[in-house]
């Protein structure tokens, strides 16, 4: 039980300190049925969650040299990642209100949302390309979400760089905080015995 509690506390602490959470989903089922839809202003999907990645930035293209393969590659060819969809979420801390310019670089499609509003659109099947957008942000915390998919072939990845004056901030979600609190409570009770 002690190892389980320690692991739960470690997992909760890691999740709470992570600044960007990226969920990776399957883009196709085993029969070849497509499980996502690029609407031209958003990506929707019904594929199962395959993994969750915790990072401090959204720069999967740069880090992996434009061959990001979170679900592996198609057998017999290391240049073609298994098709996938990602959903990256974080919080922005804005010190000074103003208009901020955002960018995305991706292959294939990607969309950047601030507080749920589409700010940068780079959808469709394409090679590496940049897209830009701007929005007014009041001082304080804002949500940032990047949706991305890769569907067969060539380079794969998505990057975004924050404008000057903005920083990613770790705003813990209630579930990791609850797990951390529960773990601490169990340890305190055990020490009292």
N, C-alpha and C. Protein backbone atom coordinates (compact mmCIF):
# COMPACT_ATOMS: atom_id res chain seq x y z
N UNK A 1 0.83 -1.20 0.00
CA UNK A 1 0.00 0.00 0.00
C UNK A 1 0.87 1.25 0.00
N UNK A 2 2.01 1.20 0.74
CA UNK A 2 2.87 2.37 0.84
C UNK A 2 3.43 2.75 -0.53
N UNK A 3 3.84 1.74 -1.33
CA UNK A 3 4.36 2.02 -2.67
C UNK A 3 3.27 2.63 -3.55
N UNK A 4 2.05 2.13 -3.43
CA UNK A 4 0.95 2.66 -4.22
C UNK A 4 0.68 4.12 -3.88
N UNK A 5 0.68 4.44 -2.57
CA UNK A 5 0.47 5.82 -2.14
C UNK A 5 1.60 6.71 -2.64
N UNK A 6 2.85 6.24 -2.53
CA UNK A 6 4.00 7.03 -2.99
C UNK A 6 3.91 7.28 -4.49
N UNK A 7 3.51 6.25 -5.27
CA UNK A 7 3.38 6.41 -6.71
C UNK A 7 2.27 7.40 -7.03
N UNK A 8 1.15 7.31 -6.32
CA UNK A 8 0.04 8.24 -6.55
C UNK A 8 0.47 9.67 -6.27
N UNK A 9 1.24 9.87 -5.19
CA UNK A 9 1.71 11.22 -4.87
C UNK A 9 2.68 11.73 -5.93
N UNK A 10 3.59 10.86 -6.41
CA UNK A 10 4.53 11.25 -7.45
C UNK A 10 3.80 11.60 -8.74
N UNK A 11 2.85 10.76 -9.14
CA UNK A 11 2.08 11.03 -10.37
C UNK A 11 1.32 12.33 -10.25
N UNK A 12 0.71 12.57 -9.10
CA UNK A 12 -0.05 13.81 -8.90
C UNK A 12 0.87 15.02 -8.93
N UNK A 13 2.03 14.91 -8.32
CA UNK A 13 2.98 16.02 -8.31
C UNK A 13 3.49 16.31 -9.71
N UNK A 14 3.78 15.27 -10.49
CA UNK A 14 4.26 15.46 -11.87
C UNK A 14 3.17 16.11 -12.72
N UNK A 15 1.95 15.62 -12.59
CA UNK A 15 0.84 16.20 -13.38
C UNK A 15 0.59 17.64 -12.98
N UNK A 16 0.69 17.94 -11.68
CA UNK A 16 0.43 19.30 -11.21
C UNK A 16 1.52 20.27 -11.67
N UNK A 17 2.76 19.78 -11.80
CA UNK A 17 3.85 20.67 -12.20
C UNK A 17 4.00 20.75 -13.72
N UNK A 18 3.40 19.83 -14.47
CA UNK A 18 3.47 19.87 -15.92
C UNK A 18 2.73 21.10 -16.41
N UNK A 19 3.30 21.74 -17.40
CA UNK A 19 2.68 22.95 -17.90
C UNK A 19 1.79 22.69 -19.11
N UNK A 20 2.11 21.68 -19.91
CA UNK A 20 1.32 21.34 -21.09
C UNK A 20 0.95 19.86 -20.99
N UNK A 21 -0.33 19.57 -21.17
CA UNK A 21 -0.81 18.18 -21.20
C UNK A 21 -1.26 17.89 -22.62
N UNK A 22 -0.68 16.86 -23.23
CA UNK A 22 -1.04 16.47 -24.60
C UNK A 22 -1.58 15.06 -24.60
N UNK A 23 -2.82 14.91 -25.04
CA UNK A 23 -3.44 13.59 -25.20
C UNK A 23 -3.31 13.17 -26.65
N UNK A 24 -2.92 11.91 -26.86
CA UNK A 24 -2.72 11.35 -28.20
C UNK A 24 -3.78 10.29 -28.44
N UNK A 25 -4.49 10.41 -29.59
CA UNK A 25 -5.59 9.51 -29.93
C UNK A 25 -5.31 8.82 -31.26
N UNK A 26 -5.92 7.65 -31.45
CA UNK A 26 -5.85 6.95 -32.74
C UNK A 26 -6.66 7.72 -33.77
N UNK A 27 -6.15 7.78 -35.00
CA UNK A 27 -6.87 8.46 -36.08
C UNK A 27 -7.74 7.50 -36.89
N UNK A 28 -7.43 6.19 -36.82
CA UNK A 28 -8.19 5.17 -37.55
C UNK A 28 -8.40 3.98 -36.63
N UNK A 29 -9.48 3.23 -36.87
CA UNK A 29 -9.65 1.99 -36.10
C UNK A 29 -8.98 0.85 -36.87
N UNK A 30 -9.04 -0.35 -36.32
CA UNK A 30 -8.35 -1.51 -36.90
C UNK A 30 -8.85 -1.85 -38.30
N UNK A 31 -10.10 -1.50 -38.61
CA UNK A 31 -10.65 -1.81 -39.93
C UNK A 31 -10.34 -0.73 -40.97
N UNK A 32 -9.70 0.36 -40.54
CA UNK A 32 -9.37 1.45 -41.46
C UNK A 32 -10.37 2.59 -41.46
N UNK A 33 -11.37 2.53 -40.57
CA UNK A 33 -12.36 3.60 -40.48
C UNK A 33 -11.72 4.84 -39.85
N UNK A 34 -11.86 5.97 -40.53
CA UNK A 34 -11.32 7.24 -40.03
C UNK A 34 -12.10 7.69 -38.81
N UNK A 35 -11.38 8.06 -37.73
CA UNK A 35 -12.01 8.42 -36.46
C UNK A 35 -11.92 9.91 -36.14
N UNK A 36 -11.48 10.72 -37.10
CA UNK A 36 -11.42 12.17 -36.86
C UNK A 36 -12.01 12.91 -38.04
N UNK A 37 -12.31 14.20 -37.81
CA UNK A 37 -12.85 15.04 -38.87
C UNK A 37 -12.24 16.43 -38.76
N UNK A 38 -11.66 16.91 -39.83
CA UNK A 38 -11.16 18.28 -39.90
C UNK A 38 -12.26 19.10 -40.54
N UNK A 39 -12.92 19.93 -39.74
CA UNK A 39 -14.08 20.70 -40.23
C UNK A 39 -13.67 21.97 -40.97
N UNK A 40 -12.38 22.30 -40.95
CA UNK A 40 -11.93 23.55 -41.54
C UNK A 40 -11.77 24.65 -40.50
N UNK A 41 -12.29 24.41 -39.31
CA UNK A 41 -12.10 25.37 -38.22
C UNK A 41 -11.89 24.65 -36.88
N UNK A 42 -11.87 23.33 -36.92
CA UNK A 42 -11.70 22.54 -35.70
C UNK A 42 -11.41 21.09 -36.10
N UNK A 43 -10.97 20.31 -35.14
CA UNK A 43 -10.77 18.88 -35.34
C UNK A 43 -11.62 18.17 -34.28
N UNK A 44 -12.44 17.25 -34.73
CA UNK A 44 -13.19 16.42 -33.81
C UNK A 44 -12.72 14.98 -33.99
N UNK A 45 -12.84 14.15 -32.96
CA UNK A 45 -12.38 12.78 -33.06
C UNK A 45 -13.17 11.90 -32.12
N UNK A 46 -13.16 10.61 -32.45
CA UNK A 46 -13.81 9.62 -31.61
C UNK A 46 -12.86 8.47 -31.29
N UNK A 47 -11.61 8.59 -31.72
CA UNK A 47 -10.62 7.54 -31.48
C UNK A 47 -10.27 7.43 -30.01
N UNK A 48 -9.81 6.25 -29.59
CA UNK A 48 -9.47 6.04 -28.19
C UNK A 48 -8.17 6.75 -27.79
N UNK A 49 -8.13 7.19 -26.54
CA UNK A 49 -6.91 7.79 -25.98
C UNK A 49 -5.83 6.72 -25.93
N UNK A 50 -4.66 7.03 -26.48
CA UNK A 50 -3.55 6.08 -26.50
C UNK A 50 -2.48 6.41 -25.46
N UNK A 51 -2.25 7.71 -25.23
CA UNK A 51 -1.25 8.10 -24.24
C UNK A 51 -1.42 9.58 -23.90
N UNK A 52 -0.85 9.97 -22.76
CA UNK A 52 -0.82 11.35 -22.33
C UNK A 52 0.62 11.74 -22.10
N UNK A 53 1.00 12.91 -22.63
CA UNK A 53 2.38 13.40 -22.54
C UNK A 53 2.38 14.71 -21.77
N UNK A 54 3.29 14.86 -20.82
CA UNK A 54 3.44 16.10 -20.06
C UNK A 54 4.74 16.77 -20.48
N UNK A 55 4.65 18.02 -20.95
CA UNK A 55 5.83 18.76 -21.40
C UNK A 55 5.72 20.21 -20.92
N UNK A 56 6.75 20.99 -21.19
CA UNK A 56 6.71 22.40 -20.84
C UNK A 56 6.41 23.29 -22.05
N UNK A 57 6.44 22.71 -23.26
CA UNK A 57 6.19 23.47 -24.50
C UNK A 57 5.46 22.57 -25.49
N UNK A 58 4.94 23.20 -26.55
CA UNK A 58 4.35 22.45 -27.67
C UNK A 58 5.31 22.62 -28.84
N UNK A 59 6.31 21.74 -28.88
CA UNK A 59 7.30 21.78 -29.96
C UNK A 59 7.70 20.36 -30.34
N UNK A 60 6.70 19.59 -30.72
CA UNK A 60 6.93 18.19 -31.06
C UNK A 60 7.63 18.03 -32.41
N UNK A 61 7.43 18.96 -33.33
CA UNK A 61 8.09 18.88 -34.64
C UNK A 61 9.59 19.13 -34.49
N UNK A 62 9.93 20.23 -33.83
CA UNK A 62 11.34 20.58 -33.65
C UNK A 62 12.08 19.51 -32.86
N UNK A 63 11.48 19.07 -31.75
CA UNK A 63 12.13 18.11 -30.88
C UNK A 63 12.40 16.79 -31.59
N UNK A 64 11.47 16.32 -32.40
CA UNK A 64 11.59 15.03 -33.07
C UNK A 64 12.10 15.17 -34.51
N UNK A 65 12.57 16.34 -34.91
CA UNK A 65 13.11 16.51 -36.26
C UNK A 65 12.08 16.29 -37.35
N UNK A 66 10.84 16.66 -37.09
CA UNK A 66 9.72 16.53 -38.03
C UNK A 66 9.35 15.08 -38.32
N UNK A 67 9.74 14.16 -37.43
CA UNK A 67 9.29 12.77 -37.56
C UNK A 67 8.77 12.28 -36.21
N UNK A 68 7.75 12.98 -35.71
CA UNK A 68 7.13 12.62 -34.45
C UNK A 68 6.22 11.42 -34.70
N UNK A 69 6.46 10.33 -33.98
CA UNK A 69 5.70 9.10 -34.14
C UNK A 69 5.22 8.61 -32.77
N UNK A 70 4.30 9.32 -32.12
CA UNK A 70 3.90 8.90 -30.77
C UNK A 70 3.24 7.52 -30.72
N UNK A 71 2.68 7.05 -31.82
CA UNK A 71 2.06 5.73 -31.85
C UNK A 71 2.86 4.74 -32.69
N UNK A 72 4.12 5.08 -32.99
CA UNK A 72 4.97 4.21 -33.80
C UNK A 72 4.85 4.55 -35.28
N UNK A 73 5.42 3.68 -36.12
CA UNK A 73 5.34 3.92 -37.56
C UNK A 73 4.75 2.70 -38.25
N UNK A 74 4.31 2.92 -39.47
CA UNK A 74 3.69 1.86 -40.25
C UNK A 74 4.76 0.83 -40.57
N UNK A 75 4.44 -0.44 -40.38
CA UNK A 75 5.41 -1.51 -40.56
C UNK A 75 6.10 -1.43 -41.92
N UNK A 76 7.42 -1.58 -41.90
CA UNK A 76 8.18 -1.62 -43.13
C UNK A 76 8.65 -0.26 -43.62
N UNK A 77 8.21 0.81 -42.98
CA UNK A 77 8.63 2.12 -43.43
C UNK A 77 8.67 3.09 -42.25
N UNK A 78 9.86 3.47 -41.83
CA UNK A 78 10.01 4.36 -40.68
C UNK A 78 9.70 5.80 -40.98
N UNK A 79 9.33 6.14 -42.21
CA UNK A 79 9.05 7.52 -42.56
C UNK A 79 7.58 7.87 -42.44
N UNK A 80 6.74 6.90 -42.17
CA UNK A 80 5.30 7.15 -42.11
C UNK A 80 4.75 6.80 -40.73
N UNK A 81 4.46 7.83 -39.92
CA UNK A 81 3.91 7.54 -38.59
C UNK A 81 2.51 6.95 -38.68
N UNK A 82 2.16 6.12 -37.71
CA UNK A 82 0.79 5.67 -37.58
C UNK A 82 -0.06 6.93 -37.39
N UNK A 83 -1.12 7.14 -38.18
CA UNK A 83 -1.93 8.36 -38.08
C UNK A 83 -2.46 8.57 -36.66
N UNK A 84 -2.44 9.83 -36.24
CA UNK A 84 -2.86 10.15 -34.87
C UNK A 84 -3.42 11.56 -34.80
N UNK A 85 -4.12 11.83 -33.71
CA UNK A 85 -4.69 13.14 -33.40
C UNK A 85 -4.20 13.52 -32.01
N UNK A 86 -3.85 14.80 -31.80
CA UNK A 86 -3.45 15.24 -30.46
C UNK A 86 -4.28 16.44 -30.02
N UNK A 87 -4.36 16.57 -28.71
CA UNK A 87 -5.05 17.70 -28.09
C UNK A 87 -4.16 18.18 -26.95
N UNK A 88 -3.50 19.33 -27.14
CA UNK A 88 -2.58 19.89 -26.13
C UNK A 88 -3.27 21.04 -25.42
N UNK A 89 -3.17 21.06 -24.09
CA UNK A 89 -3.84 22.09 -23.28
C UNK A 89 -2.89 22.65 -22.24
N UNK A 90 -2.98 23.97 -22.03
CA UNK A 90 -2.18 24.63 -21.01
C UNK A 90 -2.86 25.94 -20.63
N UNK A 91 -2.23 26.66 -19.74
CA UNK A 91 -2.70 27.98 -19.34
C UNK A 91 -1.63 29.01 -19.67
N UNK A 92 -2.06 30.19 -20.08
CA UNK A 92 -1.15 31.30 -20.35
C UNK A 92 -1.28 32.32 -19.23
N UNK A 93 -0.18 32.88 -18.83
CA UNK A 93 -0.19 33.98 -17.88
C UNK A 93 0.14 35.25 -18.68
N UNK A 94 -0.79 36.19 -18.71
CA UNK A 94 -0.61 37.43 -19.46
C UNK A 94 -0.40 38.55 -18.45
N UNK A 95 0.79 39.14 -18.47
CA UNK A 95 1.12 40.20 -17.52
C UNK A 95 0.49 41.54 -17.94
N UNK A 96 0.50 41.83 -19.24
CA UNK A 96 0.02 43.12 -19.74
C UNK A 96 -1.02 42.88 -20.83
N UNK A 97 -2.17 43.50 -20.69
CA UNK A 97 -3.22 43.38 -21.70
C UNK A 97 -2.73 43.93 -23.03
N UNK A 98 -3.18 43.31 -24.12
CA UNK A 98 -2.80 43.80 -25.45
C UNK A 98 -3.14 42.79 -26.52
N UNK A 99 -2.81 43.14 -27.77
CA UNK A 99 -3.00 42.24 -28.90
C UNK A 99 -1.73 41.41 -29.04
N UNK A 100 -1.89 40.09 -29.07
CA UNK A 100 -0.75 39.17 -29.17
C UNK A 100 -0.86 38.35 -30.45
N UNK A 101 0.28 38.14 -31.11
CA UNK A 101 0.36 37.37 -32.34
C UNK A 101 0.83 35.95 -32.02
N UNK A 102 0.11 34.97 -32.56
CA UNK A 102 0.43 33.56 -32.34
C UNK A 102 0.76 32.90 -33.66
N UNK A 103 1.51 31.79 -33.60
CA UNK A 103 1.83 31.05 -34.82
C UNK A 103 1.78 29.56 -34.56
N UNK A 104 1.59 28.82 -35.62
CA UNK A 104 1.65 27.36 -35.63
C UNK A 104 2.48 26.95 -36.82
N UNK A 105 3.26 25.93 -36.65
CA UNK A 105 3.92 25.28 -37.77
C UNK A 105 3.59 23.80 -37.63
N UNK A 106 3.02 23.22 -38.69
CA UNK A 106 2.62 21.83 -38.57
C UNK A 106 2.61 21.11 -39.90
N UNK A 107 2.56 19.79 -39.80
CA UNK A 107 2.36 18.88 -40.93
C UNK A 107 1.70 17.64 -40.33
N UNK A 108 0.47 17.43 -40.46
CA UNK A 108 -0.58 17.98 -41.27
C UNK A 108 -1.30 19.12 -40.52
N UNK A 109 -2.61 18.99 -40.34
CA UNK A 109 -3.45 20.08 -39.88
C UNK A 109 -3.36 20.39 -38.40
N UNK A 110 -3.52 21.68 -38.07
CA UNK A 110 -3.52 22.11 -36.67
C UNK A 110 -4.37 23.37 -36.50
N UNK A 111 -4.84 23.55 -35.27
CA UNK A 111 -5.65 24.72 -34.91
C UNK A 111 -5.25 25.14 -33.50
N UNK A 112 -5.13 26.46 -33.28
CA UNK A 112 -4.80 27.01 -31.96
C UNK A 112 -5.98 27.82 -31.45
N UNK A 113 -6.40 27.52 -30.24
CA UNK A 113 -7.54 28.19 -29.60
C UNK A 113 -7.07 28.90 -28.34
N UNK A 114 -7.52 30.13 -28.14
CA UNK A 114 -7.29 30.87 -26.89
C UNK A 114 -8.66 31.06 -26.25
N UNK A 115 -8.80 30.61 -25.03
CA UNK A 115 -10.08 30.70 -24.31
C UNK A 115 -11.23 30.13 -25.14
N UNK A 116 -10.94 29.07 -25.89
CA UNK A 116 -11.97 28.40 -26.69
C UNK A 116 -12.26 29.04 -28.04
N UNK A 117 -11.58 30.15 -28.36
CA UNK A 117 -11.81 30.85 -29.62
C UNK A 117 -10.69 30.53 -30.61
N UNK A 118 -11.06 30.17 -31.84
CA UNK A 118 -10.06 29.88 -32.87
C UNK A 118 -9.22 31.11 -33.13
N UNK A 119 -7.90 30.96 -32.96
CA UNK A 119 -6.98 32.08 -33.15
C UNK A 119 -6.06 31.86 -34.34
N UNK A 120 -5.61 30.61 -34.55
CA UNK A 120 -4.76 30.29 -35.70
C UNK A 120 -5.32 29.03 -36.35
N UNK A 121 -5.50 29.07 -37.68
CA UNK A 121 -6.03 27.95 -38.44
C UNK A 121 -4.99 27.48 -39.46
N UNK A 122 -4.57 26.22 -39.34
CA UNK A 122 -3.62 25.63 -40.27
C UNK A 122 -4.09 24.23 -40.63
N UNK A 123 -5.38 24.11 -40.94
CA UNK A 123 -5.99 22.80 -41.19
C UNK A 123 -5.64 22.24 -42.55
N UNK A 124 -6.06 21.01 -42.76
CA UNK A 124 -5.88 20.32 -44.03
C UNK A 124 -4.65 19.44 -44.07
N UNK A 125 -4.60 18.61 -45.11
CA UNK A 125 -3.44 17.74 -45.34
C UNK A 125 -2.38 18.56 -46.07
N UNK A 126 -1.22 18.69 -45.47
CA UNK A 126 -0.15 19.50 -46.09
C UNK A 126 1.18 19.16 -45.44
N UNK A 127 2.25 19.58 -46.10
CA UNK A 127 3.59 19.47 -45.54
C UNK A 127 3.81 20.59 -44.53
N UNK A 128 5.07 20.75 -44.11
CA UNK A 128 5.40 21.80 -43.14
C UNK A 128 4.96 23.15 -43.66
N UNK A 129 4.19 23.86 -42.85
CA UNK A 129 3.83 25.23 -43.20
C UNK A 129 3.46 25.99 -41.95
N UNK A 130 3.59 27.32 -42.06
CA UNK A 130 3.28 28.23 -40.96
C UNK A 130 1.90 28.83 -41.15
N UNK A 131 1.27 29.15 -40.02
CA UNK A 131 0.02 29.91 -40.03
C UNK A 131 0.07 30.87 -38.85
N UNK A 132 -0.62 32.01 -38.98
CA UNK A 132 -0.53 33.06 -37.97
C UNK A 132 -1.92 33.58 -37.62
N UNK A 133 -2.04 34.15 -36.44
CA UNK A 133 -3.27 34.78 -36.02
C UNK A 133 -3.00 35.65 -34.81
N UNK A 134 -3.90 36.56 -34.51
CA UNK A 134 -3.72 37.44 -33.36
C UNK A 134 -5.04 37.60 -32.62
N UNK A 135 -4.92 37.97 -31.34
CA UNK A 135 -6.11 38.19 -30.52
C UNK A 135 -5.75 39.12 -29.37
N UNK A 136 -6.75 39.83 -28.88
CA UNK A 136 -6.58 40.67 -27.69
C UNK A 136 -6.71 39.79 -26.46
N UNK A 137 -5.78 39.95 -25.52
CA UNK A 137 -5.83 39.23 -24.25
C UNK A 137 -5.77 40.21 -23.09
N UNK A 138 -6.69 40.08 -22.17
CA UNK A 138 -6.65 40.87 -20.94
C UNK A 138 -5.58 40.29 -20.02
N UNK A 139 -5.10 41.06 -19.09
CA UNK A 139 -4.13 40.55 -18.12
C UNK A 139 -4.78 39.44 -17.31
N UNK A 140 -4.00 38.41 -16.97
CA UNK A 140 -4.50 37.29 -16.18
C UNK A 140 -4.25 35.97 -16.87
N UNK A 141 -4.98 34.93 -16.44
CA UNK A 141 -4.82 33.59 -17.00
C UNK A 141 -5.81 33.35 -18.14
N UNK A 142 -5.32 32.65 -19.17
CA UNK A 142 -6.13 32.26 -20.32
C UNK A 142 -5.81 30.82 -20.68
N UNK A 143 -6.76 30.12 -21.28
CA UNK A 143 -6.49 28.76 -21.75
C UNK A 143 -5.91 28.81 -23.16
N UNK A 144 -5.02 27.88 -23.45
CA UNK A 144 -4.47 27.69 -24.79
C UNK A 144 -4.64 26.22 -25.13
N UNK A 145 -5.21 25.95 -26.30
CA UNK A 145 -5.39 24.58 -26.76
C UNK A 145 -4.90 24.49 -28.19
N UNK A 146 -4.12 23.44 -28.50
CA UNK A 146 -3.67 23.17 -29.86
C UNK A 146 -4.15 21.77 -30.23
N UNK A 147 -4.94 21.70 -31.30
CA UNK A 147 -5.40 20.42 -31.84
C UNK A 147 -4.60 20.16 -33.12
N UNK A 148 -4.16 18.91 -33.29
CA UNK A 148 -3.28 18.57 -34.41
C UNK A 148 -3.58 17.15 -34.88
N UNK A 149 -3.38 16.89 -36.16
CA UNK A 149 -3.44 15.51 -36.65
C UNK A 149 -2.40 15.28 -37.73
N UNK A 150 -1.95 14.04 -37.83
CA UNK A 150 -1.09 13.60 -38.91
C UNK A 150 -1.76 12.39 -39.54
N UNK A 151 -1.92 12.45 -40.86
CA UNK A 151 -2.63 11.39 -41.57
C UNK A 151 -1.81 10.88 -42.73
N UNK A 152 -0.93 9.94 -42.46
CA UNK A 152 -0.10 9.25 -43.45
C UNK A 152 0.87 10.18 -44.18
N UNK A 153 2.09 9.79 -44.16
CA UNK A 153 3.07 10.34 -45.06
C UNK A 153 3.93 11.47 -44.57
N UNK A 154 5.21 11.35 -44.87
CA UNK A 154 6.17 12.42 -44.70
C UNK A 154 6.32 12.99 -43.32
N UNK A 155 6.74 14.25 -43.26
CA UNK A 155 7.01 14.90 -41.98
C UNK A 155 5.78 14.91 -41.06
N UNK A 156 6.06 14.90 -39.77
CA UNK A 156 4.98 14.90 -38.80
C UNK A 156 5.38 15.71 -37.58
N UNK A 157 4.50 16.63 -37.17
CA UNK A 157 4.76 17.38 -35.95
C UNK A 157 4.02 18.70 -35.93
N UNK A 158 4.04 19.31 -34.74
CA UNK A 158 3.41 20.62 -34.56
C UNK A 158 4.25 21.41 -33.56
N UNK A 159 4.46 22.68 -33.86
CA UNK A 159 5.19 23.60 -32.97
C UNK A 159 4.39 24.89 -32.83
N UNK A 160 4.49 25.51 -31.68
CA UNK A 160 4.01 26.87 -31.49
C UNK A 160 4.96 27.57 -30.53
N UNK A 161 5.20 28.83 -30.79
CA UNK A 161 6.04 29.65 -29.91
C UNK A 161 5.18 30.78 -29.38
N UNK A 162 5.36 31.07 -28.11
CA UNK A 162 4.54 32.11 -27.48
C UNK A 162 5.10 33.49 -27.79
N UNK A 163 4.22 34.47 -27.92
CA UNK A 163 4.66 35.85 -28.12
C UNK A 163 5.40 36.35 -26.87
N UNK A 164 6.24 37.35 -27.06
CA UNK A 164 6.92 37.97 -25.93
C UNK A 164 5.88 38.52 -24.96
N UNK A 165 6.15 38.38 -23.67
CA UNK A 165 5.23 38.87 -22.66
C UNK A 165 4.25 37.84 -22.15
N UNK A 166 4.21 36.66 -22.79
CA UNK A 166 3.33 35.58 -22.34
C UNK A 166 4.18 34.43 -21.84
N UNK A 167 3.67 33.74 -20.85
CA UNK A 167 4.35 32.53 -20.40
C UNK A 167 3.33 31.47 -20.05
N UNK A 168 3.75 30.21 -20.25
CA UNK A 168 2.92 29.09 -19.87
C UNK A 168 2.97 29.00 -18.35
N UNK A 169 1.82 28.77 -17.74
CA UNK A 169 1.80 28.65 -16.28
C UNK A 169 1.13 27.34 -15.89
N UNK A 170 1.65 26.74 -14.86
CA UNK A 170 1.08 25.49 -14.36
C UNK A 170 -0.05 25.83 -13.39
N UNK A 171 -1.26 25.65 -13.84
CA UNK A 171 -2.42 25.83 -12.98
C UNK A 171 -2.97 24.43 -12.75
N UNK A 172 -2.71 23.86 -11.58
CA UNK A 172 -3.09 22.47 -11.35
C UNK A 172 -4.59 22.24 -11.50
N UNK A 173 -4.92 21.08 -12.04
CA UNK A 173 -6.31 20.67 -12.14
C UNK A 173 -6.75 20.08 -10.81
N UNK A 174 -8.02 20.07 -10.51
CA UNK A 174 -8.50 19.56 -9.23
C UNK A 174 -8.13 18.09 -8.97
N UNK A 175 -8.16 17.23 -9.99
CA UNK A 175 -7.90 15.80 -9.77
C UNK A 175 -6.49 15.55 -9.24
N UNK A 176 -5.41 16.11 -9.86
CA UNK A 176 -4.07 15.89 -9.30
C UNK A 176 -3.94 16.47 -7.89
N UNK A 177 -4.55 17.61 -7.65
CA UNK A 177 -4.48 18.18 -6.30
C UNK A 177 -5.18 17.28 -5.30
N UNK A 178 -6.32 16.71 -5.67
CA UNK A 178 -7.05 15.82 -4.77
C UNK A 178 -6.22 14.57 -4.49
N UNK A 179 -5.59 14.00 -5.52
CA UNK A 179 -4.75 12.82 -5.33
C UNK A 179 -3.56 13.13 -4.42
N UNK A 180 -2.95 14.29 -4.62
CA UNK A 180 -1.83 14.70 -3.78
C UNK A 180 -2.28 14.88 -2.33
N UNK A 181 -3.43 15.51 -2.14
CA UNK A 181 -3.96 15.70 -0.79
C UNK A 181 -4.31 14.39 -0.13
N UNK A 182 -4.91 13.47 -0.87
CA UNK A 182 -5.27 12.16 -0.34
C UNK A 182 -4.01 11.40 0.08
N UNK A 183 -2.97 11.43 -0.77
CA UNK A 183 -1.71 10.77 -0.44
C UNK A 183 -1.09 11.34 0.82
N UNK A 184 -1.10 12.66 0.95
CA UNK A 184 -0.54 13.30 2.13
C UNK A 184 -1.34 12.93 3.37
N UNK A 185 -2.67 12.88 3.28
CA UNK A 185 -3.52 12.51 4.40
C UNK A 185 -3.23 11.09 4.87
N UNK A 186 -3.06 10.17 3.93
CA UNK A 186 -2.76 8.78 4.27
C UNK A 186 -1.42 8.70 4.99
N UNK A 187 -0.42 9.41 4.49
CA UNK A 187 0.90 9.40 5.14
C UNK A 187 0.84 9.97 6.54
N UNK A 188 0.10 11.05 6.73
CA UNK A 188 -0.03 11.67 8.05
C UNK A 188 -0.69 10.69 9.02
N UNK A 189 -1.75 10.04 8.59
CA UNK A 189 -2.45 9.07 9.46
C UNK A 189 -1.54 7.90 9.82
N UNK A 190 -0.74 7.42 8.86
CA UNK A 190 0.18 6.30 9.14
C UNK A 190 1.24 6.71 10.14
N UNK A 191 1.73 7.93 10.06
CA UNK A 191 2.77 8.39 11.01
C UNK A 191 2.23 8.57 12.40
N UNK A 192 0.97 8.86 12.53
CA UNK A 192 0.36 9.05 13.85
C UNK A 192 0.19 7.73 14.58
N UNK A 193 0.10 6.61 13.84
CA UNK A 193 -0.13 5.31 14.47
C UNK A 193 1.06 4.80 15.18
